[in-house]
Amino acid sequence: MRPLRDIKRLVAQAPVHSTPARNQAVLDDLLKELAVGPHIQGNGIRVHVVRVAVAAAVISIVALVFIRHTSREPVRQPPYVVTPSVVDMLTVGRLNAACRRGGLPEVERQCEHAAQRLQGRPERISTEQLILEMKGT
């Protein structure tokens, strides 16, 4: 920083004559400036810093809102459902579960669903006839 050294040297060599009255006047002026507030240049810098801070805050808020808006949860795929085979639908365990769920109408519904899956239409039989057939009469 050679120019700064030169300026300091020139100021040190400059003949400055001051009186106590001038010193007091300069001191009073400086105290008035400090009491009034920051210098115009300092105020301008502060305004600039505040503007930059506000702009940064607005940009970050807009970015956060945009990111939150665009990052929605992914659409969940429905769970993989295994369709039971006709044989599985007509096992004793499945028929018992259907009977516990809804009684004989649920058993009939499950049997009809199994028949539809076979794509054959057996003749219609009532629950009473099925029971009599199961007893062997």
N, C-alpha and C. Protein backbone atom coordinates (compact mmCIF):
# COMPACT_ATOMS: atom_id res chain seq x y z
N MET A 1 0.84 -1.19 0.00
CA MET A 1 0.00 0.00 0.00
C MET A 1 0.88 1.25 0.00
N ARG A 2 1.54 1.43 -1.02
CA ARG A 2 2.46 2.56 -1.13
C ARG A 2 1.73 3.90 -1.10
N PRO A 3 0.58 4.06 -1.80
CA PRO A 3 -0.08 5.37 -1.76
C PRO A 3 -0.51 5.76 -0.34
N LEU A 4 -0.91 4.80 0.47
CA LEU A 4 -1.32 5.12 1.84
C LEU A 4 -0.13 5.62 2.65
N ARG A 5 1.05 5.01 2.46
CA ARG A 5 2.26 5.48 3.15
C ARG A 5 2.62 6.90 2.70
N ASP A 6 2.47 7.11 1.41
CA ASP A 6 2.77 8.45 0.90
C ASP A 6 1.82 9.48 1.49
N ILE A 7 0.55 9.14 1.59
CA ILE A 7 -0.42 10.09 2.15
C ILE A 7 -0.10 10.37 3.60
N LYS A 8 0.24 9.34 4.35
CA LYS A 8 0.58 9.54 5.76
C LYS A 8 1.83 10.42 5.90
N ARG A 9 2.81 10.19 5.05
CA ARG A 9 4.04 10.99 5.11
C ARG A 9 3.75 12.45 4.77
N LEU A 10 2.94 12.67 3.75
CA LEU A 10 2.62 14.04 3.36
C LEU A 10 1.83 14.77 4.45
N VAL A 11 0.90 14.05 5.10
CA VAL A 11 0.12 14.67 6.17
C VAL A 11 1.02 14.99 7.35
N ALA A 12 1.98 14.09 7.65
CA ALA A 12 2.89 14.34 8.77
C ALA A 12 3.79 15.52 8.49
N GLN A 13 4.17 15.76 7.25
CA GLN A 13 5.07 16.85 6.90
C GLN A 13 4.32 18.16 6.67
N ALA A 14 3.01 18.12 6.53
CA ALA A 14 2.24 19.33 6.23
C ALA A 14 2.22 20.24 7.46
N PRO A 15 2.43 21.53 7.24
CA PRO A 15 2.39 22.47 8.37
C PRO A 15 0.92 22.80 8.69
N VAL A 16 0.45 22.35 9.84
CA VAL A 16 -0.91 22.62 10.26
C VAL A 16 -0.84 23.47 11.51
N HIS A 17 -1.51 24.62 11.46
CA HIS A 17 -1.54 25.52 12.60
C HIS A 17 -2.99 25.64 13.05
N SER A 18 -3.20 25.41 14.32
CA SER A 18 -4.54 25.46 14.83
C SER A 18 -4.56 26.21 16.14
N THR A 19 -5.67 26.85 16.39
CA THR A 19 -5.84 27.58 17.64
C THR A 19 -6.80 26.79 18.52
N PRO A 20 -6.78 27.01 19.81
CA PRO A 20 -7.72 26.31 20.68
C PRO A 20 -9.18 26.60 20.33
N ALA A 21 -9.49 27.76 19.82
CA ALA A 21 -10.86 28.07 19.42
C ALA A 21 -11.28 27.21 18.24
N ARG A 22 -10.37 27.05 17.27
CA ARG A 22 -10.67 26.20 16.11
C ARG A 22 -10.82 24.74 16.55
N ASN A 23 -9.96 24.30 17.43
CA ASN A 23 -10.07 22.93 17.93
C ASN A 23 -11.42 22.70 18.59
N GLN A 24 -11.86 23.69 19.41
CA GLN A 24 -13.14 23.56 20.08
C GLN A 24 -14.29 23.56 19.08
N ALA A 25 -14.21 24.37 18.04
CA ALA A 25 -15.26 24.43 17.01
C ALA A 25 -15.35 23.10 16.26
N VAL A 26 -14.21 22.51 15.89
CA VAL A 26 -14.19 21.23 15.19
C VAL A 26 -14.76 20.14 16.09
N LEU A 27 -14.37 20.18 17.38
CA LEU A 27 -14.87 19.19 18.32
C LEU A 27 -16.38 19.31 18.49
N ASP A 28 -16.89 20.53 18.58
CA ASP A 28 -18.34 20.74 18.70
C ASP A 28 -19.08 20.21 17.46
N ASP A 29 -18.51 20.50 16.29
CA ASP A 29 -19.14 20.00 15.06
C ASP A 29 -19.16 18.47 15.03
N LEU A 30 -18.09 17.84 15.44
CA LEU A 30 -18.05 16.38 15.45
C LEU A 30 -19.07 15.80 16.44
N LEU A 31 -19.18 16.42 17.60
CA LEU A 31 -20.14 15.94 18.59
C LEU A 31 -21.58 16.11 18.09
N LYS A 32 -21.85 17.20 17.37
CA LYS A 32 -23.19 17.40 16.80
C LYS A 32 -23.49 16.32 15.76
N GLU A 33 -22.50 16.00 14.93
CA GLU A 33 -22.68 14.96 13.91
C GLU A 33 -22.97 13.60 14.55
N LEU A 34 -22.25 13.29 15.62
CA LEU A 34 -22.47 12.01 16.28
C LEU A 34 -23.83 11.96 16.97
N ALA A 35 -24.28 13.11 17.51
CA ALA A 35 -25.57 13.15 18.18
C ALA A 35 -26.72 13.06 17.19
N VAL A 36 -26.57 13.63 16.00
CA VAL A 36 -27.63 13.62 15.00
C VAL A 36 -27.84 12.22 14.46
N GLY A 37 -26.80 11.49 14.20
CA GLY A 37 -26.95 10.13 13.67
C GLY A 37 -25.80 9.80 12.76
N PRO A 38 -25.92 8.71 12.08
CA PRO A 38 -24.83 8.27 11.21
C PRO A 38 -24.67 9.20 10.02
N HIS A 39 -23.51 9.12 9.46
CA HIS A 39 -23.23 9.95 8.28
C HIS A 39 -24.08 9.48 7.11
N ILE A 40 -24.20 10.32 6.15
CA ILE A 40 -25.01 9.99 4.98
C ILE A 40 -24.46 8.74 4.30
N GLN A 41 -23.14 8.64 4.22
CA GLN A 41 -22.55 7.47 3.58
C GLN A 41 -22.85 6.21 4.39
N GLY A 42 -22.72 6.28 5.70
CA GLY A 42 -23.02 5.13 6.55
C GLY A 42 -24.48 4.74 6.46
N ASN A 43 -25.36 5.72 6.39
CA ASN A 43 -26.78 5.46 6.27
C ASN A 43 -27.08 4.78 4.94
N GLY A 44 -26.42 5.24 3.90
CA GLY A 44 -26.61 4.63 2.58
C GLY A 44 -26.16 3.18 2.58
N ILE A 45 -25.06 2.90 3.25
CA ILE A 45 -24.58 1.52 3.32
C ILE A 45 -25.57 0.66 4.10
N ARG A 46 -26.08 1.22 5.20
CA ARG A 46 -27.05 0.46 5.99
C ARG A 46 -28.31 0.17 5.18
N VAL A 47 -28.77 1.16 4.42
CA VAL A 47 -29.96 0.95 3.59
C VAL A 47 -29.69 -0.15 2.57
N HIS A 48 -28.51 -0.12 1.99
CA HIS A 48 -28.15 -1.13 1.00
C HIS A 48 -28.11 -2.52 1.65
N VAL A 49 -27.51 -2.61 2.83
CA VAL A 49 -27.43 -3.90 3.53
C VAL A 49 -28.83 -4.40 3.87
N VAL A 50 -29.71 -3.50 4.32
CA VAL A 50 -31.08 -3.90 4.65
C VAL A 50 -31.81 -4.38 3.41
N ARG A 51 -31.63 -3.69 2.30
CA ARG A 51 -32.29 -4.11 1.05
C ARG A 51 -31.81 -5.49 0.62
N VAL A 52 -30.51 -5.73 0.71
CA VAL A 52 -29.96 -7.03 0.33
C VAL A 52 -30.50 -8.11 1.27
N ALA A 53 -30.57 -7.83 2.56
CA ALA A 53 -31.07 -8.81 3.52
C ALA A 53 -32.54 -9.13 3.25
N VAL A 54 -33.35 -8.11 2.97
CA VAL A 54 -34.76 -8.34 2.68
C VAL A 54 -34.92 -9.14 1.39
N ALA A 55 -34.14 -8.81 0.39
CA ALA A 55 -34.21 -9.55 -0.88
C ALA A 55 -33.82 -11.02 -0.67
N ALA A 56 -32.77 -11.25 0.12
CA ALA A 56 -32.35 -12.63 0.39
C ALA A 56 -33.44 -13.39 1.16
N ALA A 57 -34.07 -12.72 2.11
CA ALA A 57 -35.15 -13.37 2.87
C ALA A 57 -36.33 -13.72 1.97
N VAL A 58 -36.71 -12.79 1.09
CA VAL A 58 -37.84 -13.04 0.19
C VAL A 58 -37.52 -14.19 -0.76
N ILE A 59 -36.31 -14.20 -1.30
CA ILE A 59 -35.92 -15.27 -2.22
C ILE A 59 -35.92 -16.61 -1.51
N SER A 60 -35.39 -16.65 -0.28
CA SER A 60 -35.37 -17.93 0.44
C SER A 60 -36.77 -18.41 0.80
N ILE A 61 -37.67 -17.50 1.16
CA ILE A 61 -39.05 -17.89 1.48
C ILE A 61 -39.75 -18.42 0.23
N VAL A 62 -39.57 -17.74 -0.89
CA VAL A 62 -40.19 -18.20 -2.14
C VAL A 62 -39.63 -19.57 -2.52
N ALA A 63 -38.33 -19.76 -2.35
CA ALA A 63 -37.72 -21.05 -2.69
C ALA A 63 -38.27 -22.15 -1.79
N LEU A 64 -38.40 -21.87 -0.49
CA LEU A 64 -38.94 -22.88 0.43
C LEU A 64 -40.38 -23.24 0.09
N VAL A 65 -41.18 -22.23 -0.23
CA VAL A 65 -42.57 -22.50 -0.59
C VAL A 65 -42.63 -23.31 -1.86
N PHE A 66 -41.81 -22.97 -2.84
CA PHE A 66 -41.80 -23.70 -4.10
C PHE A 66 -41.36 -25.14 -3.89
N ILE A 67 -40.32 -25.35 -3.11
CA ILE A 67 -39.83 -26.70 -2.85
C ILE A 67 -40.87 -27.51 -2.10
N ARG A 68 -41.50 -26.91 -1.10
CA ARG A 68 -42.52 -27.62 -0.33
C ARG A 68 -43.73 -27.96 -1.22
N HIS A 69 -44.07 -27.03 -2.12
CA HIS A 69 -45.23 -27.25 -2.99
C HIS A 69 -44.97 -28.36 -4.00
N THR A 70 -43.75 -28.41 -4.53
CA THR A 70 -43.45 -29.39 -5.57
C THR A 70 -43.06 -30.75 -5.01
N SER A 71 -42.66 -30.82 -3.76
CA SER A 71 -42.23 -32.11 -3.22
C SER A 71 -43.38 -32.76 -2.46
N ARG A 72 -44.34 -33.20 -3.19
CA ARG A 72 -45.46 -33.90 -2.59
C ARG A 72 -45.08 -35.36 -2.39
N GLU A 73 -45.83 -36.01 -1.53
CA GLU A 73 -45.56 -37.42 -1.30
C GLU A 73 -45.85 -38.21 -2.58
N PRO A 74 -45.03 -39.20 -2.85
CA PRO A 74 -45.28 -39.99 -4.06
C PRO A 74 -46.58 -40.76 -3.92
N VAL A 75 -47.19 -41.00 -5.05
CA VAL A 75 -48.44 -41.75 -5.06
C VAL A 75 -48.13 -43.19 -4.69
N ARG A 76 -48.79 -43.65 -3.67
CA ARG A 76 -48.54 -45.01 -3.22
C ARG A 76 -49.29 -46.00 -4.11
N GLN A 77 -48.60 -47.03 -4.46
CA GLN A 77 -49.20 -48.08 -5.27
C GLN A 77 -50.09 -48.95 -4.37
N PRO A 78 -51.20 -49.40 -4.89
CA PRO A 78 -52.03 -50.28 -4.07
C PRO A 78 -51.26 -51.56 -3.76
N PRO A 79 -51.51 -52.13 -2.61
CA PRO A 79 -50.77 -53.34 -2.26
C PRO A 79 -51.09 -54.47 -3.23
N TYR A 80 -50.12 -55.31 -3.40
CA TYR A 80 -50.27 -56.44 -4.31
C TYR A 80 -51.27 -57.42 -3.69
N VAL A 81 -52.37 -57.61 -4.34
CA VAL A 81 -53.41 -58.48 -3.83
C VAL A 81 -53.35 -59.79 -4.60
N VAL A 82 -53.22 -60.85 -3.85
CA VAL A 82 -53.21 -62.17 -4.48
C VAL A 82 -54.64 -62.67 -4.54
N THR A 83 -55.10 -62.90 -5.73
CA THR A 83 -56.44 -63.42 -5.89
C THR A 83 -56.38 -64.92 -5.67
N PRO A 84 -57.16 -65.40 -4.70
CA PRO A 84 -57.09 -66.84 -4.43
C PRO A 84 -57.68 -67.64 -5.59
N SER A 85 -57.15 -68.80 -5.76
CA SER A 85 -57.67 -69.67 -6.82
C SER A 85 -59.02 -70.23 -6.38
N VAL A 86 -59.72 -70.85 -7.31
CA VAL A 86 -61.03 -71.44 -7.02
C VAL A 86 -60.89 -72.53 -5.97
N VAL A 87 -59.83 -73.30 -6.07
CA VAL A 87 -59.62 -74.38 -5.10
C VAL A 87 -59.43 -73.80 -3.71
N ASP A 88 -58.64 -72.70 -3.63
CA ASP A 88 -58.43 -72.05 -2.33
C ASP A 88 -59.74 -71.49 -1.77
N MET A 89 -60.58 -70.96 -2.66
CA MET A 89 -61.83 -70.37 -2.20
C MET A 89 -62.78 -71.41 -1.63
N LEU A 90 -62.66 -72.66 -2.07
CA LEU A 90 -63.60 -73.70 -1.65
C LEU A 90 -63.00 -74.64 -0.61
N THR A 91 -61.89 -74.27 -0.01
CA THR A 91 -61.34 -75.12 1.05
C THR A 91 -62.18 -74.95 2.30
N VAL A 92 -62.03 -75.90 3.18
CA VAL A 92 -62.82 -75.89 4.42
C VAL A 92 -62.50 -74.65 5.24
N GLY A 93 -61.24 -74.29 5.30
CA GLY A 93 -60.86 -73.10 6.09
C GLY A 93 -61.49 -71.83 5.56
N ARG A 94 -61.48 -71.65 4.23
CA ARG A 94 -62.07 -70.44 3.64
C ARG A 94 -63.58 -70.42 3.80
N LEU A 95 -64.20 -71.56 3.65
CA LEU A 95 -65.66 -71.61 3.82
C LEU A 95 -66.04 -71.36 5.27
N ASN A 96 -65.25 -71.88 6.23
CA ASN A 96 -65.50 -71.60 7.64
C ASN A 96 -65.35 -70.11 7.94
N ALA A 97 -64.31 -69.49 7.38
CA ALA A 97 -64.10 -68.05 7.59
C ALA A 97 -65.26 -67.25 7.00
N ALA A 98 -65.75 -67.66 5.84
CA ALA A 98 -66.89 -66.96 5.23
C ALA A 98 -68.13 -67.13 6.09
N CYS A 99 -68.32 -68.31 6.67
CA CYS A 99 -69.47 -68.54 7.54
C CYS A 99 -69.39 -67.68 8.78
N ARG A 100 -68.19 -67.53 9.35
CA ARG A 100 -68.03 -66.66 10.53
C ARG A 100 -68.24 -65.19 10.17
N ARG A 101 -67.85 -64.81 8.98
CA ARG A 101 -68.01 -63.42 8.54
C ARG A 101 -69.46 -63.05 8.34
N GLY A 102 -70.22 -63.88 7.64
CA GLY A 102 -71.57 -63.47 7.27
C GLY A 102 -72.58 -64.59 7.26
N GLY A 103 -72.23 -65.72 7.82
CA GLY A 103 -73.19 -66.82 7.86
C GLY A 103 -73.31 -67.51 6.51
N LEU A 104 -74.44 -68.20 6.34
CA LEU A 104 -74.66 -68.97 5.11
C LEU A 104 -74.77 -68.10 3.86
N PRO A 105 -75.34 -66.89 3.94
CA PRO A 105 -75.35 -66.06 2.73
C PRO A 105 -73.94 -65.74 2.22
N GLU A 106 -72.99 -65.55 3.15
CA GLU A 106 -71.61 -65.28 2.74
C GLU A 106 -70.98 -66.52 2.12
N VAL A 107 -71.32 -67.69 2.64
CA VAL A 107 -70.81 -68.94 2.06
C VAL A 107 -71.36 -69.10 0.65
N GLU A 108 -72.65 -68.83 0.46
CA GLU A 108 -73.24 -68.89 -0.88
C GLU A 108 -72.58 -67.92 -1.83
N ARG A 109 -72.32 -66.70 -1.34
CA ARG A 109 -71.67 -65.69 -2.19
C ARG A 109 -70.28 -66.16 -2.61
N GLN A 110 -69.55 -66.74 -1.68
CA GLN A 110 -68.20 -67.20 -2.01
C GLN A 110 -68.25 -68.37 -3.00
N CYS A 111 -69.19 -69.25 -2.84
CA CYS A 111 -69.33 -70.37 -3.77
C CYS A 111 -69.71 -69.87 -5.16
N GLU A 112 -70.61 -68.90 -5.23
CA GLU A 112 -70.99 -68.34 -6.54
C GLU A 112 -69.83 -67.63 -7.20
N HIS A 113 -69.03 -66.92 -6.38
CA HIS A 113 -67.85 -66.24 -6.92
C HIS A 113 -66.86 -67.26 -7.48
N ALA A 114 -66.70 -68.38 -6.79
CA ALA A 114 -65.80 -69.44 -7.27
C ALA A 114 -66.34 -70.03 -8.57
N ALA A 115 -67.66 -70.20 -8.64
CA ALA A 115 -68.27 -70.76 -9.86
C ALA A 115 -68.10 -69.80 -11.02
N GLN A 116 -68.21 -68.51 -10.77
CA GLN A 116 -68.03 -67.53 -11.85
C GLN A 116 -66.59 -67.56 -12.34
N ARG A 117 -65.65 -67.76 -11.44
CA ARG A 117 -64.25 -67.81 -11.85
C ARG A 117 -63.98 -69.05 -12.70
N LEU A 118 -64.74 -70.10 -12.47
CA LEU A 118 -64.60 -71.29 -13.31
C LEU A 118 -65.28 -71.11 -14.65
N GLN A 119 -66.05 -70.06 -14.77
CA GLN A 119 -66.82 -69.73 -15.96
C GLN A 119 -67.85 -70.80 -16.28
N GLY A 120 -68.24 -71.52 -15.31
CA GLY A 120 -69.29 -72.51 -15.49
C GLY A 120 -70.45 -72.13 -14.58
N ARG A 121 -71.61 -72.36 -15.00
CA ARG A 121 -72.79 -72.02 -14.20
C ARG A 121 -73.43 -73.31 -13.72
N PRO A 122 -73.07 -73.77 -12.52
CA PRO A 122 -73.73 -74.97 -12.03
C PRO A 122 -75.18 -74.66 -11.70
N GLU A 123 -75.94 -75.72 -11.62
CA GLU A 123 -77.34 -75.47 -11.29
C GLU A 123 -77.43 -74.94 -9.88
N ARG A 124 -78.41 -74.13 -9.69
CA ARG A 124 -78.57 -73.44 -8.42
C ARG A 124 -79.05 -74.44 -7.37
N ILE A 125 -78.41 -74.36 -6.19
CA ILE A 125 -78.78 -75.24 -5.09
C ILE A 125 -78.89 -74.39 -3.84
N SER A 126 -79.86 -74.68 -3.05
CA SER A 126 -80.06 -73.89 -1.83
C SER A 126 -79.14 -74.42 -0.73
N THR A 127 -79.04 -73.64 0.30
CA THR A 127 -78.19 -74.03 1.42
C THR A 127 -78.74 -75.26 2.11
N GLU A 128 -80.05 -75.34 2.22
CA GLU A 128 -80.66 -76.50 2.87
C GLU A 128 -80.35 -77.78 2.09
N GLN A 129 -80.44 -77.69 0.74
CA GLN A 129 -80.15 -78.86 -0.08
C GLN A 129 -78.68 -79.26 0.07
N LEU A 130 -77.81 -78.27 0.20
CA LEU A 130 -76.38 -78.54 0.37
C LEU A 130 -76.13 -79.26 1.69
N ILE A 131 -76.82 -78.82 2.73
CA ILE A 131 -76.66 -79.45 4.05
C ILE A 131 -77.17 -80.89 4.01
N LEU A 132 -78.32 -81.07 3.37
CA LEU A 132 -78.88 -82.43 3.27
C LEU A 132 -77.94 -83.32 2.47
N GLU A 133 -77.31 -82.77 1.42
CA GLU A 133 -76.39 -83.55 0.60
C GLU A 133 -75.14 -83.89 1.38
N MET A 134 -74.69 -82.96 2.21
CA MET A 134 -73.48 -83.20 3.01
C MET A 134 -73.74 -84.28 4.08
N LYS A 135 -74.98 -84.34 4.59
CA LYS A 135 -75.32 -85.36 5.58
C LYS A 135 -75.50 -86.73 4.93
N GLY A 136 -75.69 -86.75 3.64
CA GLY A 136 -75.83 -88.00 2.92
C GLY A 136 -77.26 -88.49 2.80
N THR A 137 -78.21 -87.62 2.94
CA THR A 137 -79.59 -88.05 2.82
C THR A 137 -80.17 -87.70 1.49
